[in-house]
Amino acid sequence: CGRAIEIIAVSARDRSRDRGIDLKG
């Protein structure tokens, strides 16, 4: 893409649910 794609923010119903993904930072 010629530039990085960075996940800055997320939103979902349940913050405590384990989705098997790393959301640190």
PDB file of all heavy atoms in Angstrom:
ATOM      1  N   CYS A   1       0.798  -1.224   0.000  1.00  0.00           N
ATOM      2  CA  CYS A   1       0.000   0.000   0.000  1.00  0.00           C
ATOM      3  C   CYS A   1       0.832   1.277   0.000  1.00  0.00           C
ATOM      4  O   CYS A   1       0.304   2.374  -0.188  1.00  0.00           O
ATOM      5  CB  CYS A   1      -0.942   0.020   1.217  1.00  0.00           C
ATOM      6  SG  CYS A   1      -2.131  -1.340   1.242  1.00  0.00           S
ATOM      7  N   GLY A   2       2.122   1.132   0.249  1.00  0.00           N
ATOM      8  CA  GLY A   2       2.982   2.311   0.302  1.00  0.00           C
ATOM      9  C   GLY A   2       2.903   3.058   1.616  1.00  0.00           C
ATOM     10  O   GLY A   2       3.489   4.128   1.781  1.00  0.00           O
ATOM     11  N   ARG A   3       2.198   2.506   2.575  1.00  0.00           N
ATOM     12  CA  ARG A   3       2.091   3.081   3.915  1.00  0.00           C
ATOM     13  C   ARG A   3       1.562   2.008   4.863  1.00  0.00           C
ATOM     14  O   ARG A   3       0.877   1.073   4.445  1.00  0.00           O
ATOM     15  CB  ARG A   3       1.159   4.298   3.918  1.00  0.00           C
ATOM     16  CG  ARG A   3      -0.290   3.955   3.541  1.00  0.00           C
ATOM     17  CD  ARG A   3      -1.124   5.149   3.162  1.00  0.00           C
ATOM     18  NE  ARG A   3      -1.306   6.131   4.218  1.00  0.00           N
ATOM     19  CZ  ARG A   3      -2.230   7.071   4.184  1.00  0.00           C
ATOM     20  NH1 ARG A   3      -3.054   7.182   3.150  1.00  0.00           N
ATOM     21  NH2 ARG A   3      -2.337   7.943   5.163  1.00  0.00           N
ATOM     22  N   ALA A   4       1.890   2.143   6.114  1.00  0.00           N
ATOM     23  CA  ALA A   4       1.423   1.183   7.106  1.00  0.00           C
ATOM     24  C   ALA A   4      -0.067   1.383   7.385  1.00  0.00           C
ATOM     25  O   ALA A   4      -0.591   2.490   7.271  1.00  0.00           O
ATOM     26  CB  ALA A   4       2.224   1.335   8.402  1.00  0.00           C
ATOM     27  N   ILE A   5      -0.736   0.302   7.743  1.00  0.00           N
ATOM     28  CA  ILE A   5      -2.130   0.357   8.188  1.00  0.00           C
ATOM     29  C   ILE A   5      -2.132   0.019   9.671  1.00  0.00           C
ATOM     30  O   ILE A   5      -1.753  -1.076  10.076  1.00  0.00           O
ATOM     31  CB  ILE A   5      -3.019  -0.619   7.393  1.00  0.00           C
ATOM     32  CG1 ILE A   5      -3.020  -0.248   5.905  1.00  0.00           C
ATOM     33  CG2 ILE A   5      -4.450  -0.596   7.944  1.00  0.00           C
ATOM     34  CD1 ILE A   5      -3.721  -1.265   5.018  1.00  0.00           C
ATOM     35  N   GLU A   6      -2.542   0.951  10.487  1.00  0.00           N
ATOM     36  CA  GLU A   6      -2.418   0.823  11.935  1.00  0.00           C
ATOM     37  C   GLU A   6      -3.805   0.849  12.596  1.00  0.00           C
ATOM     38  O   GLU A   6      -4.603   1.750  12.359  1.00  0.00           O
ATOM     39  CB  GLU A   6      -1.568   1.979  12.469  1.00  0.00           C
ATOM     40  CG  GLU A   6      -1.222   1.889  13.935  1.00  0.00           C
ATOM     41  CD  GLU A   6      -0.363   3.052  14.405  1.00  0.00           C
ATOM     42  OE1 GLU A   6      -0.005   3.919  13.564  1.00  0.00           O
ATOM     43  OE2 GLU A   6      -0.053   3.097  15.610  1.00  0.00           O
ATOM     44  N   ILE A   7      -4.082  -0.157  13.422  1.00  0.00           N
ATOM     45  CA  ILE A   7      -5.335  -0.185  14.187  1.00  0.00           C
ATOM     46  C   ILE A   7      -5.150   0.697  15.417  1.00  0.00           C
ATOM     47  O   ILE A   7      -4.370   0.389  16.312  1.00  0.00           O
ATOM     48  CB  ILE A   7      -5.722  -1.615  14.613  1.00  0.00           C
ATOM     49  CG1 ILE A   7      -5.797  -2.546  13.398  1.00  0.00           C
ATOM     50  CG2 ILE A   7      -7.071  -1.598  15.343  1.00  0.00           C
ATOM     51  CD1 ILE A   7      -5.966  -4.017  13.756  1.00  0.00           C
ATOM     52  N   ILE A   8      -5.890   1.786  15.464  1.00  0.00           N
ATOM     53  CA  ILE A   8      -5.787   2.760  16.542  1.00  0.00           C
ATOM     54  C   ILE A   8      -6.853   2.539  17.608  1.00  0.00           C
ATOM     55  O   ILE A   8      -6.622   2.715  18.800  1.00  0.00           O
ATOM     56  CB  ILE A   8      -5.908   4.201  15.993  1.00  0.00           C
ATOM     57  CG1 ILE A   8      -4.777   4.498  15.014  1.00  0.00           C
ATOM     58  CG2 ILE A   8      -5.971   5.245  17.107  1.00  0.00           C
ATOM     59  CD1 ILE A   8      -3.413   4.540  15.647  1.00  0.00           C
ATOM     60  N   ALA A   9      -8.059   2.144  17.161  1.00  0.00           N
ATOM     61  CA  ALA A   9      -9.205   2.065  18.073  1.00  0.00           C
ATOM     62  C   ALA A   9     -10.107   0.898  17.692  1.00  0.00           C
ATOM     63  O   ALA A   9     -10.177   0.506  16.527  1.00  0.00           O
ATOM     64  CB  ALA A   9     -10.001   3.374  18.034  1.00  0.00           C
ATOM     65  N   VAL A  10     -10.807   0.347  18.693  1.00  0.00           N
ATOM     66  CA  VAL A  10     -11.808  -0.695  18.459  1.00  0.00           C
ATOM     67  C   VAL A  10     -13.008  -0.434  19.356  1.00  0.00           C
ATOM     68  O   VAL A  10     -12.919   0.266  20.369  1.00  0.00           O
ATOM     69  CB  VAL A  10     -11.263  -2.122  18.728  1.00  0.00           C
ATOM     70  CG1 VAL A  10     -10.196  -2.501  17.727  1.00  0.00           C
ATOM     71  CG2 VAL A  10     -10.765  -2.252  20.151  1.00  0.00           C
ATOM     72  N   SER A  11     -14.110  -1.055  18.984  1.00  0.00           N
ATOM     73  CA  SER A  11     -15.328  -0.963  19.792  1.00  0.00           C
ATOM     74  C   SER A  11     -16.103  -2.258  19.640  1.00  0.00           C
ATOM     75  O   SER A  11     -16.194  -2.807  18.540  1.00  0.00           O
ATOM     76  CB  SER A  11     -16.192   0.222  19.339  1.00  0.00           C
ATOM     77  OG  SER A  11     -17.450   0.206  20.003  1.00  0.00           O
ATOM     78  N   ALA A  12     -16.651  -2.751  20.743  1.00  0.00           N
ATOM     79  CA  ALA A  12     -17.480  -3.949  20.714  1.00  0.00           C
ATOM     80  C   ALA A  12     -18.333  -3.970  21.980  1.00  0.00           C
ATOM     81  O   ALA A  12     -18.139  -3.164  22.892  1.00  0.00           O
ATOM     82  CB  ALA A  12     -16.634  -5.212  20.601  1.00  0.00           C
ATOM     83  N   ARG A  13     -19.262  -4.928  22.037  1.00  0.00           N
ATOM     84  CA  ARG A  13     -20.185  -4.957  23.183  1.00  0.00           C
ATOM     85  C   ARG A  13     -19.498  -5.345  24.484  1.00  0.00           C
ATOM     86  O   ARG A  13     -19.684  -4.700  25.500  1.00  0.00           O
ATOM     87  CB  ARG A  13     -21.310  -5.974  22.900  1.00  0.00           C
ATOM     88  CG  ARG A  13     -22.353  -5.463  21.946  1.00  0.00           C
ATOM     89  CD  ARG A  13     -23.496  -6.449  21.849  1.00  0.00           C
ATOM     90  NE  ARG A  13     -24.181  -6.310  20.583  1.00  0.00           N
ATOM     91  CZ  ARG A  13     -24.833  -7.260  19.960  1.00  0.00           C
ATOM     92  NH1 ARG A  13     -24.911  -8.425  20.494  1.00  0.00           N
ATOM     93  NH2 ARG A  13     -25.434  -7.059  18.810  1.00  0.00           N
ATOM     94  N   ASP A  14     -18.702  -6.383  24.460  1.00  0.00           N
ATOM     95  CA  ASP A  14     -18.146  -6.959  25.686  1.00  0.00           C
ATOM     96  C   ASP A  14     -16.620  -6.827  25.686  1.00  0.00           C
ATOM     97  O   ASP A  14     -15.933  -7.536  24.964  1.00  0.00           O
ATOM     98  CB  ASP A  14     -18.562  -8.421  25.791  1.00  0.00           C
ATOM     99  CG  ASP A  14     -18.104  -9.078  27.093  1.00  0.00           C
ATOM    100  OD1 ASP A  14     -17.431  -8.404  27.912  1.00  0.00           O
ATOM    101  OD2 ASP A  14     -18.390 -10.282  27.283  1.00  0.00           O
ATOM    102  N   ARG A  15     -16.109  -5.957  26.543  1.00  0.00           N
ATOM    103  CA  ARG A  15     -14.661  -5.719  26.593  1.00  0.00           C
ATOM    104  C   ARG A  15     -13.903  -6.925  27.134  1.00  0.00           C
ATOM    105  O   ARG A  15     -12.745  -7.163  26.761  1.00  0.00           O
ATOM    106  CB  ARG A  15     -14.385  -4.478  27.446  1.00  0.00           C
ATOM    107  CG  ARG A  15     -12.944  -4.010  27.396  1.00  0.00           C
ATOM    108  CD  ARG A  15     -12.822  -2.640  28.014  1.00  0.00           C
ATOM    109  NE  ARG A  15     -11.470  -2.115  27.862  1.00  0.00           N
ATOM    110  CZ  ARG A  15     -11.130  -0.879  28.153  1.00  0.00           C
ATOM    111  NH1 ARG A  15     -12.042  -0.017  28.560  1.00  0.00           N
ATOM    112  NH2 ARG A  15      -9.878  -0.470  27.981  1.00  0.00           N
ATOM    113  N   SER A  16     -14.535  -7.698  28.018  1.00  0.00           N
ATOM    114  CA  SER A  16     -13.833  -8.792  28.692  1.00  0.00           C
ATOM    115  C   SER A  16     -13.762 -10.083  27.879  1.00  0.00           C
ATOM    116  O   SER A  16     -13.020 -10.994  28.226  1.00  0.00           O
ATOM    117  CB  SER A  16     -14.530  -9.099  30.030  1.00  0.00           C
ATOM    118  OG  SER A  16     -15.883  -9.534  29.790  1.00  0.00           O
ATOM    119  N   ARG A  17     -14.506 -10.173  26.809  1.00  0.00           N
ATOM    120  CA  ARG A  17     -14.564 -11.417  26.031  1.00  0.00           C
ATOM    121  C   ARG A  17     -13.225 -11.712  25.349  1.00  0.00           C
ATOM    122  O   ARG A  17     -12.595 -10.822  24.776  1.00  0.00           O
ATOM    123  CB  ARG A  17     -15.661 -11.299  24.982  1.00  0.00           C
ATOM    124  CG  ARG A  17     -15.846 -12.536  24.138  1.00  0.00           C
ATOM    125  CD  ARG A  17     -16.939 -12.298  23.110  1.00  0.00           C
ATOM    126  NE  ARG A  17     -16.874 -13.266  22.036  1.00  0.00           N
ATOM    127  CZ  ARG A  17     -17.494 -13.139  20.887  1.00  0.00           C
ATOM    128  NH1 ARG A  17     -18.228 -12.056  20.657  1.00  0.00           N
ATOM    129  NH2 ARG A  17     -17.379 -14.073  19.950  1.00  0.00           N
ATOM    130  N   ASP A  18     -12.811 -12.976  25.408  1.00  0.00           N
ATOM    131  CA  ASP A  18     -11.579 -13.407  24.733  1.00  0.00           C
ATOM    132  C   ASP A  18     -11.894 -13.729  23.269  1.00  0.00           C
ATOM    133  O   ASP A  18     -12.616 -14.677  22.965  1.00  0.00           O
ATOM    134  CB  ASP A  18     -10.996 -14.635  25.439  1.00  0.00           C
ATOM    135  CG  ASP A  18      -9.677 -15.086  24.797  1.00  0.00           C
ATOM    136  OD1 ASP A  18      -9.126 -14.341  23.940  1.00  0.00           O
ATOM    137  OD2 ASP A  18      -9.217 -16.199  25.125  1.00  0.00           O
ATOM    138  N   ARG A  19     -11.369 -12.953  22.362  1.00  0.00           N
ATOM    139  CA  ARG A  19     -11.620 -13.136  20.936  1.00  0.00           C
ATOM    140  C   ARG A  19     -10.433 -13.738  20.203  1.00  0.00           C
ATOM    141  O   ARG A  19     -10.443 -13.854  18.972  1.00  0.00           O
ATOM    142  CB  ARG A  19     -12.002 -11.789  20.305  1.00  0.00           C
ATOM    143  CG  ARG A  19     -13.285 -11.191  20.898  1.00  0.00           C
ATOM    144  CD  ARG A  19     -13.522  -9.785  20.395  1.00  0.00           C
ATOM    145  NE  ARG A  19     -14.832  -9.274  20.808  1.00  0.00           N
ATOM    146  CZ  ARG A  19     -15.059  -8.692  21.969  1.00  0.00           C
ATOM    147  NH1 ARG A  19     -14.059  -8.539  22.852  1.00  0.00           N
ATOM    148  NH2 ARG A  19     -16.281  -8.258  22.274  1.00  0.00           N
ATOM    149  N   GLY A  20      -9.400 -14.108  20.942  1.00  0.00           N
ATOM    150  CA  GLY A  20      -8.213 -14.707  20.344  1.00  0.00           C
ATOM    151  C   GLY A  20      -7.364 -13.726  19.564  1.00  0.00           C
ATOM    152  O   GLY A  20      -6.607 -14.123  18.673  1.00  0.00           O
ATOM    153  N   ILE A  21      -7.474 -12.440  19.873  1.00  0.00           N
ATOM    154  CA  ILE A  21      -6.690 -11.404  19.192  1.00  0.00           C
ATOM    155  C   ILE A  21      -6.047 -10.501  20.238  1.00  0.00           C
ATOM    156  O   ILE A  21      -6.531 -10.360  21.359  1.00  0.00           O
ATOM    157  CB  ILE A  21      -7.560 -10.556  18.236  1.00  0.00           C
ATOM    158  CG1 ILE A  21      -8.812 -10.024  18.962  1.00  0.00           C
ATOM    159  CG2 ILE A  21      -7.937 -11.366  17.009  1.00  0.00           C
ATOM    160  CD1 ILE A  21      -9.697  -9.138  18.106  1.00  0.00           C
ATOM    161  N   ASP A  22      -4.943  -9.893  19.866  1.00  0.00           N
ATOM    162  CA  ASP A  22      -4.184  -9.020  20.764  1.00  0.00           C
ATOM    163  C   ASP A  22      -4.638  -7.567  20.574  1.00  0.00           C
ATOM    164  O   ASP A  22      -4.453  -6.999  19.497  1.00  0.00           O
ATOM    165  CB  ASP A  22      -2.685  -9.166  20.477  1.00  0.00           C
ATOM    166  CG  ASP A  22      -1.830  -8.328  21.431  1.00  0.00           C
ATOM    167  OD1 ASP A  22      -2.380  -7.770  22.415  1.00  0.00           O
ATOM    168  OD2 ASP A  22      -0.606  -8.222  21.181  1.00  0.00           O
ATOM    169  N   LEU A  23      -5.239  -6.983  21.617  1.00  0.00           N
ATOM    170  CA  LEU A  23      -5.721  -5.606  21.540  1.00  0.00           C
ATOM    171  C   LEU A  23      -4.883  -4.654  22.397  1.00  0.00           C
ATOM    172  O   LEU A  23      -5.305  -3.510  22.635  1.00  0.00           O
ATOM    173  CB  LEU A  23      -7.191  -5.547  21.977  1.00  0.00           C
ATOM    174  CG  LEU A  23      -8.189  -6.360  21.117  1.00  0.00           C
ATOM    175  CD1 LEU A  23      -9.588  -6.265  21.700  1.00  0.00           C
ATOM    176  CD2 LEU A  23      -8.177  -5.879  19.666  1.00  0.00           C
ATOM    177  N   LYS A  24      -3.698  -5.119  22.808  1.00  0.00           N
ATOM    178  CA  LYS A  24      -2.831  -4.253  23.624  1.00  0.00           C
ATOM    179  C   LYS A  24      -2.399  -3.026  22.828  1.00  0.00           C
ATOM    180  O   LYS A  24      -2.011  -3.132  21.658  1.00  0.00           O
ATOM    181  CB  LYS A  24      -1.586  -5.012  24.117  1.00  0.00           C
ATOM    182  CG  LYS A  24      -1.869  -6.031  25.204  1.00  0.00           C
ATOM    183  CD  LYS A  24      -0.590  -6.420  25.925  1.00  0.00           C
ATOM    184  CE  LYS A  24       0.061  -7.616  25.488  1.00  0.00           C
ATOM    185  NZ  LYS A  24      -0.395  -8.774  25.067  1.00  0.00           N
ATOM    186  N   GLY A  25      -2.460  -1.868  23.471  1.00  0.00           N
ATOM    187  CA  GLY A  25      -2.044  -0.631  22.818  1.00  0.00           C
ATOM    188  C   GLY A  25      -3.101  -0.015  21.919  1.00  0.00           C
ATOM    189  O   GLY A  25      -2.869   1.028  21.307  1.00  0.00           O
TER     190      GLY A  25
END
